[in-house]
Amino acid sequence: MVRDLQRRHSLVGKSKSDVLALLGPPTPTDKWGNYDIVYVLGPDLIDYYWLLIRLDEQGIVAHLEVRPD
């Protein structure tokens, strides 16, 4: 799912409002405090996977990654 998202809608360079319009509200969590926008992607065997997004000073996506719990 995430690969398809990246292929069709590269998030790097998009504004925070663009990301929220595309993906909806982020997942409320304190787990990933050093990221600006966080989405839980769902379980994969024993771990949950997360889409983690960092914004630059202008509120533009500078970095994203997918990580397990």
Protein backbone atom coordinates (compact mmCIF):
# COMPACT_ATOMS: atom_id res chain seq x y z
CA MET A 1 0.00 0.00 0.00
CA VAL A 2 2.73 2.48 0.94
CA ARG A 3 4.75 1.70 -2.19
CA ASP A 4 1.69 2.39 -4.31
CA LEU A 5 1.11 5.64 -2.42
CA GLN A 6 4.71 6.73 -3.02
CA ARG A 7 4.54 5.76 -6.70
CA ARG A 8 1.31 7.64 -7.31
CA HIS A 9 1.63 10.52 -4.82
CA SER A 10 5.17 11.25 -3.70
CA LEU A 11 4.75 12.92 -0.34
CA VAL A 12 8.22 14.49 -0.13
CA GLY A 13 7.83 18.13 -1.08
CA LYS A 14 4.11 18.26 -0.21
CA SER A 15 2.71 20.56 2.44
CA LYS A 16 1.21 19.30 5.68
CA SER A 17 -2.24 20.30 4.45
CA ASP A 18 -1.68 18.31 1.22
CA VAL A 19 -0.77 15.21 3.27
CA LEU A 20 -3.80 15.58 5.52
CA ALA A 21 -6.10 16.09 2.52
CA LEU A 22 -4.73 12.93 0.89
CA LEU A 23 -4.45 10.64 3.95
CA GLY A 24 -6.88 12.12 6.46
CA PRO A 25 -6.20 12.83 10.12
CA PRO A 26 -3.04 11.29 11.58
CA THR A 27 -3.11 8.55 14.20
CA PRO A 28 -3.14 10.02 17.71
CA THR A 29 -0.09 8.63 19.53
CA ASP A 30 2.83 9.71 21.70
CA LYS A 31 4.93 6.78 20.48
CA TRP A 32 6.82 8.64 17.74
CA GLY A 33 7.40 12.06 19.31
CA ASN A 34 10.25 13.06 17.00
CA TYR A 35 7.99 12.93 13.91
CA ASP A 36 5.44 15.55 12.89
CA ILE A 37 2.76 13.33 11.29
CA VAL A 38 2.22 9.66 12.12
CA TYR A 39 -0.13 7.04 10.64
CA VAL A 40 -0.55 3.46 11.79
CA LEU A 41 -0.63 1.26 8.70
CA GLY A 42 -1.77 -1.92 10.38
CA PRO A 43 -0.46 -5.25 11.59
CA ASP A 44 1.96 -7.53 9.79
CA LEU A 45 2.26 -10.81 11.69
CA ILE A 46 3.32 -9.57 15.15
CA ASP A 47 4.23 -5.90 14.57
CA TYR A 48 2.25 -2.85 13.55
CA TYR A 49 3.77 -0.72 10.82
CA TRP A 50 3.80 3.06 10.93
CA LEU A 51 4.19 5.80 8.32
CA LEU A 52 6.37 8.47 9.95
CA ILE A 53 6.70 11.93 8.41
CA ARG A 54 9.02 14.81 9.28
CA LEU A 55 8.31 18.34 8.12
CA ASP A 56 10.81 21.10 7.50
CA GLU A 57 10.56 24.61 8.99
CA GLN A 58 8.05 25.64 6.30
CA GLY A 59 5.74 22.69 6.98
CA ILE A 60 6.83 20.73 3.88
CA VAL A 61 7.48 16.97 3.99
CA ALA A 62 11.26 16.55 4.15
CA HIS A 63 11.49 12.89 5.14
CA LEU A 64 9.29 9.86 5.56
CA GLU A 65 9.80 6.27 6.51
CA VAL A 66 7.88 3.12 7.31
CA ARG A 67 8.86 1.36 10.54
CA PRO A 68 7.56 -1.49 12.62
CA ASP A 69 6.74 -1.08 16.31
